[in-house]
């Protein structure tokens, strides 16, 4: 994915790709489209409207919290 992102969103995408794999992450077309437009709120809405969020809600909530609250998430 060739998108210029702020550091927090870069970190988010790295964790997303780590969990889902690059092939699955590329299927988040609406998230990617929102990120290309710097529409951070819409990207979060689209992440929330995904099987990924329904299947691993705690992880996704933690990752979104890093974006909205500004703290650093260190995966264990």
PDB file of N, CA and C in Angstrom:
ATOM      1  N   UNK A   1       0.849  -1.165   0.000  1.00  0.00           N
ATOM      2  CA  UNK A   1       0.000   0.000   0.000  1.00  0.00           C
ATOM      3  C   UNK A   1       0.895   1.229   0.000  1.00  0.00           C
ATOM      4  N   UNK A   2       0.760   1.992  -1.006  1.00  0.00           N
ATOM      5  CA  UNK A   2       1.602   3.168  -1.150  1.00  0.00           C
ATOM      6  C   UNK A   2       0.803   4.417  -0.766  1.00  0.00           C
ATOM      7  N   UNK A   3       0.670   4.635   0.533  1.00  0.00           N
ATOM      8  CA  UNK A   3      -0.095   5.765   1.052  1.00  0.00           C
ATOM      9  C   UNK A   3       0.780   6.499   2.058  1.00  0.00           C
ATOM     10  N   UNK A   4       0.891   7.813   1.897  1.00  0.00           N
ATOM     11  CA  UNK A   4       1.612   8.620   2.890  1.00  0.00           C
ATOM     12  C   UNK A   4       0.677   8.844   4.078  1.00  0.00           C
ATOM     13  N   UNK A   5       1.084   8.348   5.239  1.00  0.00           N
ATOM     14  CA  UNK A   5       0.244   8.432   6.435  1.00  0.00           C
ATOM     15  C   UNK A   5       1.019   9.039   7.589  1.00  0.00           C
ATOM     16  N   UNK A   6       0.302   9.678   8.532  1.00  0.00           N
ATOM     17  CA  UNK A   6       0.955  10.105   9.764  1.00  0.00           C
ATOM     18  C   UNK A   6       1.427   8.871  10.542  1.00  0.00           C
ATOM     19  N   UNK A   7       2.339   9.072  11.453  1.00  0.00           N
ATOM     20  CA  UNK A   7       2.948   7.968  12.194  1.00  0.00           C
ATOM     21  C   UNK A   7       1.922   7.088  12.889  1.00  0.00           C
ATOM     22  N   UNK A   8       0.918   7.694  13.518  1.00  0.00           N
ATOM     23  CA  UNK A   8      -0.060   6.876  14.242  1.00  0.00           C
ATOM     24  C   UNK A   8      -0.816   5.937  13.306  1.00  0.00           C
ATOM     25  N   UNK A   9      -1.168   6.431  12.126  1.00  0.00           N
ATOM     26  CA  UNK A   9      -1.871   5.578  11.168  1.00  0.00           C
ATOM     27  C   UNK A   9      -0.933   4.559  10.539  1.00  0.00           C
ATOM     28  N   UNK A  10       0.314   4.915  10.356  1.00  0.00           N
ATOM     29  CA  UNK A  10       1.296   3.938   9.871  1.00  0.00           C
ATOM     30  C   UNK A  10       1.406   2.790  10.859  1.00  0.00           C
ATOM     31  N   UNK A  11       1.514   3.118  12.140  1.00  0.00           N
ATOM     32  CA  UNK A  11       1.579   2.084  13.181  1.00  0.00           C
ATOM     33  C   UNK A  11       0.321   1.215  13.168  1.00  0.00           C
ATOM     34  N   UNK A  12      -0.835   1.852  13.026  1.00  0.00           N
ATOM     35  CA  UNK A  12      -2.102   1.120  12.964  1.00  0.00           C
ATOM     36  C   UNK A  12      -2.083   0.116  11.811  1.00  0.00           C
ATOM     37  N   UNK A  13      -1.669   0.578  10.634  1.00  0.00           N
ATOM     38  CA  UNK A  13      -1.665  -0.290   9.463  1.00  0.00           C
ATOM     39  C   UNK A  13      -0.647  -1.420   9.597  1.00  0.00           C
ATOM     40  N   UNK A  14       0.486  -1.146  10.219  1.00  0.00           N
ATOM     41  CA  UNK A  14       1.482  -2.202  10.441  1.00  0.00           C
ATOM     42  C   UNK A  14       0.885  -3.303  11.309  1.00  0.00           C
ATOM     43  N   UNK A  15       0.212  -2.913  12.394  1.00  0.00           N
ATOM     44  CA  UNK A  15      -0.409  -3.911  13.269  1.00  0.00           C
ATOM     45  C   UNK A  15      -1.538  -4.656  12.558  1.00  0.00           C
ATOM     46  N   UNK A  16      -2.292  -3.941  11.750  1.00  0.00           N
ATOM     47  CA  UNK A  16      -3.372  -4.568  10.987  1.00  0.00           C
ATOM     48  C   UNK A  16      -2.807  -5.612  10.025  1.00  0.00           C
ATOM     49  N   UNK A  17      -1.769  -5.231   9.291  1.00  0.00           N
ATOM     50  CA  UNK A  17      -1.151  -6.148   8.330  1.00  0.00           C
ATOM     51  C   UNK A  17      -0.500  -7.319   9.053  1.00  0.00           C
ATOM     52  N   UNK A  18       0.094  -7.070  10.213  1.00  0.00           N
ATOM     53  CA  UNK A  18       0.691  -8.150  10.998  1.00  0.00           C
ATOM     54  C   UNK A  18      -0.362  -9.186  11.375  1.00  0.00           C
ATOM     55  N   UNK A  19      -1.547  -8.705  11.781  1.00  0.00           N
ATOM     56  CA  UNK A  19      -2.601  -9.632  12.196  1.00  0.00           C
ATOM     57  C   UNK A  19      -3.268 -10.314  11.006  1.00  0.00           C
ATOM     58  N   UNK A  20      -3.608  -9.546   9.982  1.00  0.00           N
ATOM     59  CA  UNK A  20      -4.426 -10.071   8.888  1.00  0.00           C
ATOM     60  C   UNK A  20      -3.631 -10.566   7.688  1.00  0.00           C
ATOM     61  N   UNK A  21      -2.426 -10.051   7.524  1.00  0.00           N
ATOM     62  CA  UNK A  21      -1.656 -10.321   6.314  1.00  0.00           C
ATOM     63  C   UNK A  21      -1.939  -9.245   5.280  1.00  0.00           C
ATOM     64  N   UNK A  22      -0.986  -9.026   4.397  1.00  0.00           N
ATOM     65  CA  UNK A  22      -1.107  -7.947   3.413  1.00  0.00           C
ATOM     66  C   UNK A  22      -2.268  -8.197   2.447  1.00  0.00           C
ATOM     67  N   UNK A  23      -2.473  -9.444   2.048  1.00  0.00           N
ATOM     68  CA  UNK A  23      -3.543  -9.750   1.094  1.00  0.00           C
ATOM     69  C   UNK A  23      -4.906  -9.391   1.667  1.00  0.00           C
ATOM     70  N   UNK A  24      -5.163  -9.789   2.895  1.00  0.00           N
ATOM     71  CA  UNK A  24      -6.451  -9.484   3.536  1.00  0.00           C
ATOM     72  C   UNK A  24      -6.573  -7.981   3.810  1.00  0.00           C
ATOM     73  N   UNK A  25      -5.498  -7.351   4.251  1.00  0.00           N
ATOM     74  CA  UNK A  25      -5.541  -5.911   4.537  1.00  0.00           C
ATOM     75  C   UNK A  25      -5.874  -5.108   3.279  1.00  0.00           C
ATOM     76  N   UNK A  26      -5.405  -5.551   2.137  1.00  0.00           N
ATOM     77  CA  UNK A  26      -5.694  -4.850   0.878  1.00  0.00           C
ATOM     78  C   UNK A  26      -7.168  -4.930   0.495  1.00  0.00           C
ATOM     79  N   UNK A  27      -7.907  -5.847   1.105  1.00  0.00           N
ATOM     80  CA  UNK A  27      -9.336  -5.971   0.819  1.00  0.00           C
ATOM     81  C   UNK A  27     -10.168  -4.903   1.531  1.00  0.00           C
ATOM     82  N   UNK A  28      -9.551  -4.143   2.410  1.00  0.00           N
ATOM     83  CA  UNK A  28     -10.242  -3.060   3.114  1.00  0.00           C
ATOM     84  C   UNK A  28     -10.250  -1.815   2.222  1.00  0.00           C
ATOM     85  N   UNK A  29     -10.910  -1.932   1.081  1.00  0.00           N
ATOM     86  CA  UNK A  29     -10.866  -0.882   0.063  1.00  0.00           C
ATOM     87  C   UNK A  29     -11.438   0.452   0.549  1.00  0.00           C
ATOM     88  N   UNK A  30     -12.509   0.411   1.332  1.00  0.00           N
ATOM     89  CA  UNK A  30     -13.098   1.661   1.828  1.00  0.00           C
ATOM     90  C   UNK A  30     -12.199   2.320   2.868  1.00  0.00           C
ATOM     91  N   UNK A  31     -11.518   1.524   3.672  1.00  0.00           N
ATOM     92  CA  UNK A  31     -10.559   2.073   4.641  1.00  0.00           C
ATOM     93  C   UNK A  31      -9.420   2.738   3.880  1.00  0.00           C
ATOM     94  N   UNK A  32      -8.884   2.042   2.893  1.00  0.00           N
ATOM     95  CA  UNK A  32      -7.767   2.570   2.109  1.00  0.00           C
ATOM     96  C   UNK A  32      -8.175   3.844   1.385  1.00  0.00           C
ATOM     97  N   UNK A  33      -9.376   3.854   0.802  1.00  0.00           N
ATOM     98  CA  UNK A  33      -9.861   5.055   0.107  1.00  0.00           C
ATOM     99  C   UNK A  33      -9.962   6.231   1.071  1.00  0.00           C
ATOM    100  N   UNK A  34     -10.471   5.990   2.268  1.00  0.00           N
ATOM    101  CA  UNK A  34     -10.580   7.062   3.271  1.00  0.00           C
ATOM    102  C   UNK A  34      -9.198   7.559   3.678  1.00  0.00           C
ATOM    103  N   UNK A  35      -8.256   6.645   3.858  1.00  0.00           N
ATOM    104  CA  UNK A  35      -6.900   7.051   4.242  1.00  0.00           C
ATOM    105  C   UNK A  35      -6.241   7.886   3.150  1.00  0.00           C
ATOM    106  N   UNK A  36      -6.475   7.540   1.902  1.00  0.00           N
ATOM    107  CA  UNK A  36      -5.904   8.312   0.788  1.00  0.00           C
ATOM    108  C   UNK A  36      -6.434   9.742   0.778  1.00  0.00           C
ATOM    109  N   UNK A  37      -7.650   9.942   1.319  1.00  0.00           N
ATOM    110  CA  UNK A  37      -8.258  11.276   1.384  1.00  0.00           C
ATOM    111  C   UNK A  37      -8.008  11.957   2.727  1.00  0.00           C
ATOM    112  N   UNK A  38      -7.186  11.318   3.582  1.00  0.00           N
ATOM    113  CA  UNK A  38      -6.939  11.827   4.942  1.00  0.00           C
ATOM    114  C   UNK A  38      -8.232  11.970   5.742  1.00  0.00           C
ATOM    115  N   UNK A  39      -9.186  11.116   5.451  1.00  0.00           N
ATOM    116  CA  UNK A  39     -10.464  11.121   6.157  1.00  0.00           C
ATOM    117  C   UNK A  39     -10.392  10.064   7.260  1.00  0.00           C
ATOM    118  N   UNK A  40      -9.772  10.445   8.368  1.00  0.00           N
ATOM    119  CA  UNK A  40      -9.489   9.515   9.455  1.00  0.00           C
ATOM    120  C   UNK A  40     -10.768   8.978  10.102  1.00  0.00           C
ATOM    121  N   UNK A  41     -11.762   9.841  10.257  1.00  0.00           N
ATOM    122  CA  UNK A  41     -13.023   9.397  10.874  1.00  0.00           C
ATOM    123  C   UNK A  41     -13.702   8.325  10.030  1.00  0.00           C
ATOM    124  N   UNK A  42     -13.723   8.524   8.733  1.00  0.00           N
ATOM    125  CA  UNK A  42     -14.344   7.531   7.850  1.00  0.00           C
ATOM    126  C   UNK A  42     -13.557   6.225   7.851  1.00  0.00           C
ATOM    127  N   UNK A  43     -12.258   6.307   7.929  1.00  0.00           N
ATOM    128  CA  UNK A  43     -11.443   5.087   7.999  1.00  0.00           C
ATOM    129  C   UNK A  43     -11.813   4.281   9.240  1.00  0.00           C
ATOM    130  N   UNK A  44     -11.997   4.971  10.363  1.00  0.00           N
ATOM    131  CA  UNK A  44     -12.389   4.284  11.598  1.00  0.00           C
ATOM    132  C   UNK A  44     -13.783   3.679  11.456  1.00  0.00           C
ATOM    133  N   UNK A  45     -14.706   4.420  10.862  1.00  0.00           N
ATOM    134  CA  UNK A  45     -16.062   3.896  10.635  1.00  0.00           C
ATOM    135  C   UNK A  45     -15.991   2.610   9.813  1.00  0.00           C
ATOM    136  N   UNK A  46     -15.169   2.610   8.786  1.00  0.00           N
ATOM    137  CA  UNK A  46     -15.063   1.431   7.924  1.00  0.00           C
ATOM    138  C   UNK A  46     -14.390   0.258   8.633  1.00  0.00           C
ATOM    139  N   UNK A  47     -13.408   0.539   9.476  1.00  0.00           N
ATOM    140  CA  UNK A  47     -12.791  -0.530  10.270  1.00  0.00           C
ATOM    141  C   UNK A  47     -13.840  -1.133  11.197  1.00  0.00           C
ATOM    142  N   UNK A  48     -14.644  -0.266  11.815  1.00  0.00           N
ATOM    143  CA  UNK A  48     -15.686  -0.739  12.733  1.00  0.00           C
ATOM    144  C   UNK A  48     -16.723  -1.614  12.023  1.00  0.00           C
ATOM    145  N   UNK A  49     -16.934  -1.353  10.746  1.00  0.00           N
ATOM    146  CA  UNK A  49     -17.922  -2.102   9.967  1.00  0.00           C
ATOM    147  C   UNK A  49     -17.243  -3.260   9.236  1.00  0.00           C
ATOM    148  N   UNK A  50     -16.501  -4.063   9.972  1.00  0.00           N
ATOM    149  CA  UNK A  50     -15.761  -5.163   9.346  1.00  0.00           C
ATOM    150  C   UNK A  50     -15.841  -6.427  10.194  1.00  0.00           C
ATOM    151  N   UNK A  51     -15.645  -7.552   9.542  1.00  0.00           N
ATOM    152  CA  UNK A  51     -15.557  -8.817  10.271  1.00  0.00           C
ATOM    153  C   UNK A  51     -14.376  -8.801  11.228  1.00  0.00           C
ATOM    154  N   UNK A  52     -13.314  -8.138  10.846  1.00  0.00           N
ATOM    155  CA  UNK A  52     -12.131  -8.038  11.703  1.00  0.00           C
ATOM    156  C   UNK A  52     -12.515  -7.450  13.061  1.00  0.00           C
ATOM    157  N   UNK A  53     -13.286  -6.369  13.056  1.00  0.00           N
ATOM    158  CA  UNK A  53     -13.725  -5.748  14.313  1.00  0.00           C
ATOM    159  C   UNK A  53     -14.657  -6.681  15.083  1.00  0.00           C
ATOM    160  N   UNK A  54     -15.551  -7.349  14.386  1.00  0.00           N
ATOM    161  CA  UNK A  54     -16.478  -8.262  15.055  1.00  0.00           C
ATOM    162  C   UNK A  54     -15.760  -9.489  15.625  1.00  0.00           C
ATOM    163  N   UNK A  55     -14.698  -9.931  14.964  1.00  0.00           N
ATOM    164  CA  UNK A  55     -13.988 -11.132  15.403  1.00  0.00           C
ATOM    165  C   UNK A  55     -12.947 -10.853  16.483  1.00  0.00           C
ATOM    166  N   UNK A  56     -12.324  -9.683  16.445  1.00  0.00           N
ATOM    167  CA  UNK A  56     -11.299  -9.341  17.444  1.00  0.00           C
ATOM    168  C   UNK A  56     -11.547  -7.927  17.975  1.00  0.00           C
ATOM    169  N   UNK A  57     -12.697  -7.718  18.617  1.00  0.00           N
ATOM    170  CA  UNK A  57     -13.075  -6.358  19.024  1.00  0.00           C
ATOM    171  C   UNK A  57     -12.109  -5.713  20.011  1.00  0.00           C
ATOM    172  N   UNK A  58     -11.557  -6.457  20.945  1.00  0.00           N
ATOM    173  CA  UNK A  58     -10.645  -5.844  21.917  1.00  0.00           C
ATOM    174  C   UNK A  58      -9.401  -5.305  21.223  1.00  0.00           C
ATOM    175  N   UNK A  59      -8.830  -6.101  20.347  1.00  0.00           N
ATOM    176  CA  UNK A  59      -7.627  -5.649  19.644  1.00  0.00           C
ATOM    177  C   UNK A  59      -7.921  -4.407  18.810  1.00  0.00           C
ATOM    178  N   UNK A  60      -9.007  -4.451  18.048  1.00  0.00           N
ATOM    179  CA  UNK A  60      -9.351  -3.303  17.209  1.00  0.00           C
ATOM    180  C   UNK A  60      -9.660  -2.085  18.079  1.00  0.00           C
ATOM    181  N   UNK A  61     -10.387  -2.268  19.174  1.00  0.00           N
ATOM    182  CA  UNK A  61     -10.662  -1.149  20.087  1.00  0.00           C
ATOM    183  C   UNK A  61      -9.368  -0.546  20.613  1.00  0.00           C
ATOM    184  N   UNK A  62      -8.434  -1.400  21.026  1.00  0.00           N
ATOM    185  CA  UNK A  62      -7.146  -0.904  21.524  1.00  0.00           C
ATOM    186  C   UNK A  62      -6.404  -0.126  20.444  1.00  0.00           C
ATOM    187  N   UNK A  63      -6.419  -0.652  19.235  1.00  0.00           N
ATOM    188  CA  UNK A  63      -5.717   0.018  18.138  1.00  0.00           C
ATOM    189  C   UNK A  63      -6.359   1.363  17.811  1.00  0.00           C
ATOM    190  N   UNK A  64      -7.685   1.412  17.798  1.00  0.00           N
ATOM    191  CA  UNK A  64      -8.374   2.678  17.523  1.00  0.00           C
ATOM    192  C   UNK A  64      -8.141   3.664  18.663  1.00  0.00           C
ATOM    193  N   UNK A  65      -8.073   3.168  19.888  1.00  0.00           N
ATOM    194  CA  UNK A  65      -7.788   4.047  21.030  1.00  0.00           C
ATOM    195  C   UNK A  65      -6.443   4.740  20.881  1.00  0.00           C
ATOM    196  N   UNK A  66      -5.469   4.053  20.302  1.00  0.00           N
ATOM    197  CA  UNK A  66      -4.162   4.695  20.101  1.00  0.00           C
ATOM    198  C   UNK A  66      -4.286   5.871  19.149  1.00  0.00           C
ATOM    199  N   UNK A  67      -5.203   5.760  18.193  1.00  0.00           N
ATOM    200  CA  UNK A  67      -5.399   6.846  17.235  1.00  0.00           C
ATOM    201  C   UNK A  67      -6.143   8.014  17.866  1.00  0.00           C
ATOM    202  N   UNK A  68      -7.152   7.716  18.664  1.00  0.00           N
ATOM    203  CA  UNK A  68      -8.016   8.772  19.187  1.00  0.00           C
ATOM    204  C   UNK A  68      -7.523   9.361  20.503  1.00  0.00           C
ATOM    205  N   UNK A  69      -6.747   8.584  21.264  1.00  0.00           N
ATOM    206  CA  UNK A  69      -6.261   9.067  22.559  1.00  0.00           C
ATOM    207  C   UNK A  69      -4.788   9.431  22.557  1.00  0.00           C
ATOM    208  N   UNK A  70      -4.091   9.040  21.514  1.00  0.00           N
ATOM    209  CA  UNK A  70      -2.707   9.449  21.362  1.00  0.00           C
ATOM    210  C   UNK A  70      -1.684   8.682  22.168  1.00  0.00           C
ATOM    211  N   UNK A  71      -2.067   7.582  22.817  1.00  0.00           N
ATOM    212  CA  UNK A  71      -1.048   6.821  23.524  1.00  0.00           C
ATOM    213  C   UNK A  71      -0.482   5.741  22.611  1.00  0.00           C
ATOM    214  N   UNK A  72       0.646   5.198  22.989  1.00  0.00           N
ATOM    215  CA  UNK A  72       1.337   4.213  22.164  1.00  0.00           C
ATOM    216  C   UNK A  72       0.955   2.814  22.612  1.00  0.00           C
ATOM    217  N   UNK A  73       0.558   1.991  21.665  1.00  0.00           N
ATOM    218  CA  UNK A  73       0.208   0.603  21.944  1.00  0.00           C
ATOM    219  C   UNK A  73       1.402  -0.274  21.623  1.00  0.00           C
ATOM    220  N   UNK A  74       1.830  -1.043  22.598  1.00  0.00           N
ATOM    221  CA  UNK A  74       2.923  -1.985  22.380  1.00  0.00           C
ATOM    222  C   UNK A  74       2.319  -3.377  22.432  1.00  0.00           C
ATOM    223  N   UNK A  75       2.251  -4.062  21.275  1.00  0.00           N
ATOM    224  CA  UNK A  75       1.646  -5.393  21.277  1.00  0.00           C
ATOM    225  C   UNK A  75       2.483  -6.383  22.064  1.00  0.00           C
ATOM    226  N   UNK A  76       1.823  -7.321  22.759  1.00  0.00           N
ATOM    227  CA  UNK A  76       2.569  -8.344  23.491  1.00  0.00           C
ATOM    228  C   UNK A  76       2.340  -9.698  22.867  1.00  0.00           C
TER     229      UNK A  76
END
